Amino acid sequence: MQNENEVIDPFNWSYVFAALIVLLAFPLLNAIVGWFVFYL
């Protein structure tokens, strides 16, 4: 009798969202750091 083990999906949406955040953050990193340095 085979146990019903959950198959772990290698594709996870959190990886997609993390990649999009990283890709958006790197071009804006200079502006974000400059904003923090200017206003703090």
C-alpha atoms as a PDB file:
ATOM      1  CA  MET A   1       0.000   0.000   0.000  1.00  0.00           C
ATOM      2  CA  GLN A   2       1.429   3.321  -1.067  1.00  0.00           C
ATOM      3  CA  ASN A   3       1.431   6.192   1.345  1.00  0.00           C
ATOM      4  CA  GLU A   4      -0.004   9.448   0.079  1.00  0.00           C
ATOM      5  CA  ASN A   5       3.042  11.654   0.567  1.00  0.00           C
ATOM      6  CA  GLU A   6       2.794  15.238  -0.549  1.00  0.00           C
ATOM      7  CA  VAL A   7       4.980  15.882  -3.548  1.00  0.00           C
ATOM      8  CA  ILE A   8       7.109  18.950  -2.985  1.00  0.00           C
ATOM      9  CA  ASP A   9       6.696  21.173  -6.027  1.00  0.00           C
ATOM     10  CA  PRO A  10      10.086  22.488  -7.166  1.00  0.00           C
ATOM     11  CA  PHE A  11       8.328  25.524  -8.658  1.00  0.00           C
ATOM     12  CA  ASN A  12       7.316  27.835  -5.859  1.00  0.00           C
ATOM     13  CA  TRP A  13       5.641  31.206  -6.357  1.00  0.00           C
ATOM     14  CA  SER A  14       7.706  32.713  -3.554  1.00  0.00           C
ATOM     15  CA  TYR A  15      10.798  32.220  -5.723  1.00  0.00           C
ATOM     16  CA  VAL A  16       9.127  34.105  -8.573  1.00  0.00           C
ATOM     17  CA  PHE A  17       8.154  36.989  -6.318  1.00  0.00           C
ATOM     18  CA  ALA A  18      11.620  37.075  -4.754  1.00  0.00           C
ATOM     19  CA  ALA A  19      13.252  37.186  -8.201  1.00  0.00           C
ATOM     20  CA  LEU A  20      10.956  40.023  -9.304  1.00  0.00           C
ATOM     21  CA  ILE A  21      11.702  41.994  -6.140  1.00  0.00           C
ATOM     22  CA  VAL A  22      15.448  41.506  -6.621  1.00  0.00           C
ATOM     23  CA  LEU A  23      15.296  42.479 -10.293  1.00  0.00           C
ATOM     24  CA  LEU A  24      13.332  45.608  -9.432  1.00  0.00           C
ATOM     25  CA  ALA A  25      15.469  46.476  -6.412  1.00  0.00           C
ATOM     26  CA  PHE A  26      18.872  46.391  -8.099  1.00  0.00           C
ATOM     27  CA  PRO A  27      18.232  49.230 -10.610  1.00  0.00           C
ATOM     28  CA  LEU A  28      16.529  51.254  -7.852  1.00  0.00           C
ATOM     29  CA  LEU A  29      19.154  50.470  -5.213  1.00  0.00           C
ATOM     30  CA  ASN A  30      21.135  53.641  -5.891  1.00  0.00           C
ATOM     31  CA  ALA A  31      18.005  55.816  -5.616  1.00  0.00           C
ATOM     32  CA  ILE A  32      16.832  54.051  -2.450  1.00  0.00           C
ATOM     33  CA  VAL A  33      20.220  54.361  -0.740  1.00  0.00           C
ATOM     34  CA  GLY A  34      20.506  57.989  -1.863  1.00  0.00           C
ATOM     35  CA  TRP A  35      17.041  58.715  -0.491  1.00  0.00           C
ATOM     36  CA  PHE A  36      17.952  57.210   2.885  1.00  0.00           C
ATOM     37  CA  VAL A  37      21.266  59.110   3.014  1.00  0.00           C
ATOM     38  CA  PHE A  38      19.571  62.388   2.061  1.00  0.00           C
ATOM     39  CA  TYR A  39      16.576  62.165   4.395  1.00  0.00           C
ATOM     40  CA  LEU A  40      18.089  60.363   7.406  1.00  0.00           C
END
